[in-house]
Amino acid sequence: NMVFFKYIHEVVTAKAKADGGRSALSSLLHPLLLPYAVWIFAPFWK
C-alpha cells in the first residue's frame, strides 16, 4: 500500500510538472488522496 501511494504521489507530481496549465488540477487531486491514505494506514498507526 505504501509503495502504491508513493507511485500515485510520483505520478501526480510528475503530471503537475509536465502540465503547467493543469498543475492546479493536480494540486486539487493530491489532497484528495491524503484522507484515502490516512484511512488505509490508520490501522497500522494504532
N, C-alpha and C. Protein backbone atom coordinates (compact mmCIF):
# COMPACT_ATOMS: atom_id res chain seq x y z
N ASN A 1 0.84 -1.21 0.00
CA ASN A 1 0.00 0.00 0.00
C ASN A 1 0.87 1.25 0.00
N MET A 2 1.94 1.22 0.79
CA MET A 2 2.82 2.38 0.86
C MET A 2 3.47 2.62 -0.50
N VAL A 3 3.88 1.55 -1.16
CA VAL A 3 4.51 1.67 -2.48
C VAL A 3 3.50 2.23 -3.47
N PHE A 4 2.27 1.76 -3.39
CA PHE A 4 1.23 2.22 -4.30
C PHE A 4 0.98 3.72 -4.12
N PHE A 5 0.92 4.17 -2.86
CA PHE A 5 0.68 5.59 -2.60
C PHE A 5 1.85 6.43 -3.08
N LYS A 6 3.08 5.90 -2.89
CA LYS A 6 4.26 6.62 -3.37
C LYS A 6 4.20 6.75 -4.89
N TYR A 7 3.74 5.69 -5.55
CA TYR A 7 3.60 5.71 -7.01
C TYR A 7 2.60 6.78 -7.43
N ILE A 8 1.46 6.83 -6.75
CA ILE A 8 0.44 7.84 -7.05
C ILE A 8 1.03 9.24 -6.84
N HIS A 9 1.76 9.40 -5.75
CA HIS A 9 2.38 10.70 -5.45
C HIS A 9 3.35 11.10 -6.57
N GLU A 10 4.13 10.14 -7.04
CA GLU A 10 5.08 10.42 -8.11
C GLU A 10 4.35 10.83 -9.38
N VAL A 11 3.29 10.11 -9.71
CA VAL A 11 2.52 10.39 -10.92
C VAL A 11 1.91 11.79 -10.87
N VAL A 12 1.29 12.11 -9.73
CA VAL A 12 0.65 13.42 -9.57
C VAL A 12 1.69 14.54 -9.65
N THR A 13 2.83 14.32 -8.99
CA THR A 13 3.89 15.33 -9.00
C THR A 13 4.44 15.52 -10.41
N ALA A 14 4.68 14.40 -11.09
CA ALA A 14 5.23 14.46 -12.45
C ALA A 14 4.24 15.15 -13.39
N LYS A 15 2.96 14.85 -13.22
CA LYS A 15 1.93 15.45 -14.07
C LYS A 15 1.85 16.96 -13.83
N ALA A 16 1.99 17.34 -12.56
CA ALA A 16 1.94 18.76 -12.22
C ALA A 16 3.10 19.50 -12.87
N LYS A 17 4.27 18.84 -12.91
CA LYS A 17 5.44 19.46 -13.51
C LYS A 17 5.31 19.50 -15.03
N ALA A 18 4.77 18.43 -15.60
CA ALA A 18 4.67 18.32 -17.05
C ALA A 18 3.61 19.29 -17.59
N ASP A 19 2.43 19.30 -16.96
CA ASP A 19 1.34 20.16 -17.42
C ASP A 19 1.33 21.45 -16.61
N GLY A 20 1.95 22.48 -17.15
CA GLY A 20 2.00 23.75 -16.43
C GLY A 20 0.60 24.31 -16.19
N GLY A 21 -0.25 24.25 -17.21
CA GLY A 21 -1.59 24.80 -17.10
C GLY A 21 -2.51 23.95 -16.25
N ARG A 22 -2.17 22.66 -16.14
CA ARG A 22 -3.05 21.76 -15.39
C ARG A 22 -2.54 21.49 -13.99
N SER A 23 -1.52 22.23 -13.56
CA SER A 23 -0.94 22.00 -12.24
C SER A 23 -1.99 22.23 -11.14
N ALA A 24 -2.92 23.13 -11.40
CA ALA A 24 -3.97 23.41 -10.42
C ALA A 24 -4.84 22.17 -10.22
N LEU A 25 -5.14 21.48 -11.31
CA LEU A 25 -5.94 20.26 -11.23
C LEU A 25 -5.20 19.20 -10.43
N SER A 26 -3.92 19.03 -10.71
CA SER A 26 -3.12 18.05 -9.99
C SER A 26 -3.02 18.41 -8.51
N SER A 27 -2.92 19.70 -8.24
CA SER A 27 -2.85 20.15 -6.85
C SER A 27 -4.15 19.84 -6.11
N LEU A 28 -5.25 19.85 -6.85
CA LEU A 28 -6.54 19.52 -6.24
C LEU A 28 -6.66 18.03 -5.99
N LEU A 29 -6.14 17.24 -6.92
CA LEU A 29 -6.25 15.79 -6.80
C LEU A 29 -5.40 15.25 -5.65
N HIS A 30 -4.24 15.84 -5.44
CA HIS A 30 -3.34 15.32 -4.41
C HIS A 30 -3.95 15.34 -3.01
N PRO A 31 -4.52 16.46 -2.54
CA PRO A 31 -5.12 16.47 -1.20
C PRO A 31 -6.25 15.46 -1.05
N LEU A 32 -6.92 15.14 -2.15
CA LEU A 32 -8.00 14.17 -2.09
C LEU A 32 -7.46 12.77 -1.78
N LEU A 33 -6.21 12.52 -2.14
CA LEU A 33 -5.61 11.21 -1.89
C LEU A 33 -5.18 11.05 -0.43
N LEU A 34 -4.90 12.18 0.23
CA LEU A 34 -4.38 12.11 1.60
C LEU A 34 -5.35 11.44 2.58
N PRO A 35 -6.64 11.83 2.61
CA PRO A 35 -7.56 11.15 3.53
C PRO A 35 -7.68 9.67 3.21
N TYR A 36 -7.59 9.33 1.92
CA TYR A 36 -7.65 7.94 1.49
C TYR A 36 -6.46 7.17 2.06
N ALA A 37 -5.28 7.80 2.00
CA ALA A 37 -4.07 7.17 2.53
C ALA A 37 -4.16 7.02 4.05
N VAL A 38 -4.67 8.06 4.72
CA VAL A 38 -4.84 8.00 6.17
C VAL A 38 -5.78 6.86 6.54
N TRP A 39 -6.85 6.70 5.78
CA TRP A 39 -7.83 5.64 6.02
C TRP A 39 -7.20 4.27 5.86
N ILE A 40 -6.28 4.15 4.89
CA ILE A 40 -5.62 2.87 4.65
C ILE A 40 -4.62 2.55 5.76
N PHE A 41 -3.83 3.56 6.15
CA PHE A 41 -2.73 3.31 7.07
C PHE A 41 -3.11 3.46 8.54
N ALA A 42 -4.31 3.96 8.81
CA ALA A 42 -4.75 4.19 10.19
C ALA A 42 -4.60 2.94 11.07
N PRO A 43 -5.01 1.76 10.61
CA PRO A 43 -4.88 0.55 11.46
C PRO A 43 -3.44 0.28 11.86
N PHE A 44 -2.49 0.63 10.99
CA PHE A 44 -1.09 0.35 11.29
C PHE A 44 -0.52 1.34 12.31
N TRP A 45 -1.13 2.53 12.40
CA TRP A 45 -0.63 3.57 13.29
C TRP A 45 -1.13 3.41 14.72
N LYS A 46 -2.16 2.56 14.92
CA LYS A 46 -2.74 2.44 16.25
C LYS A 46 -1.80 1.69 17.20
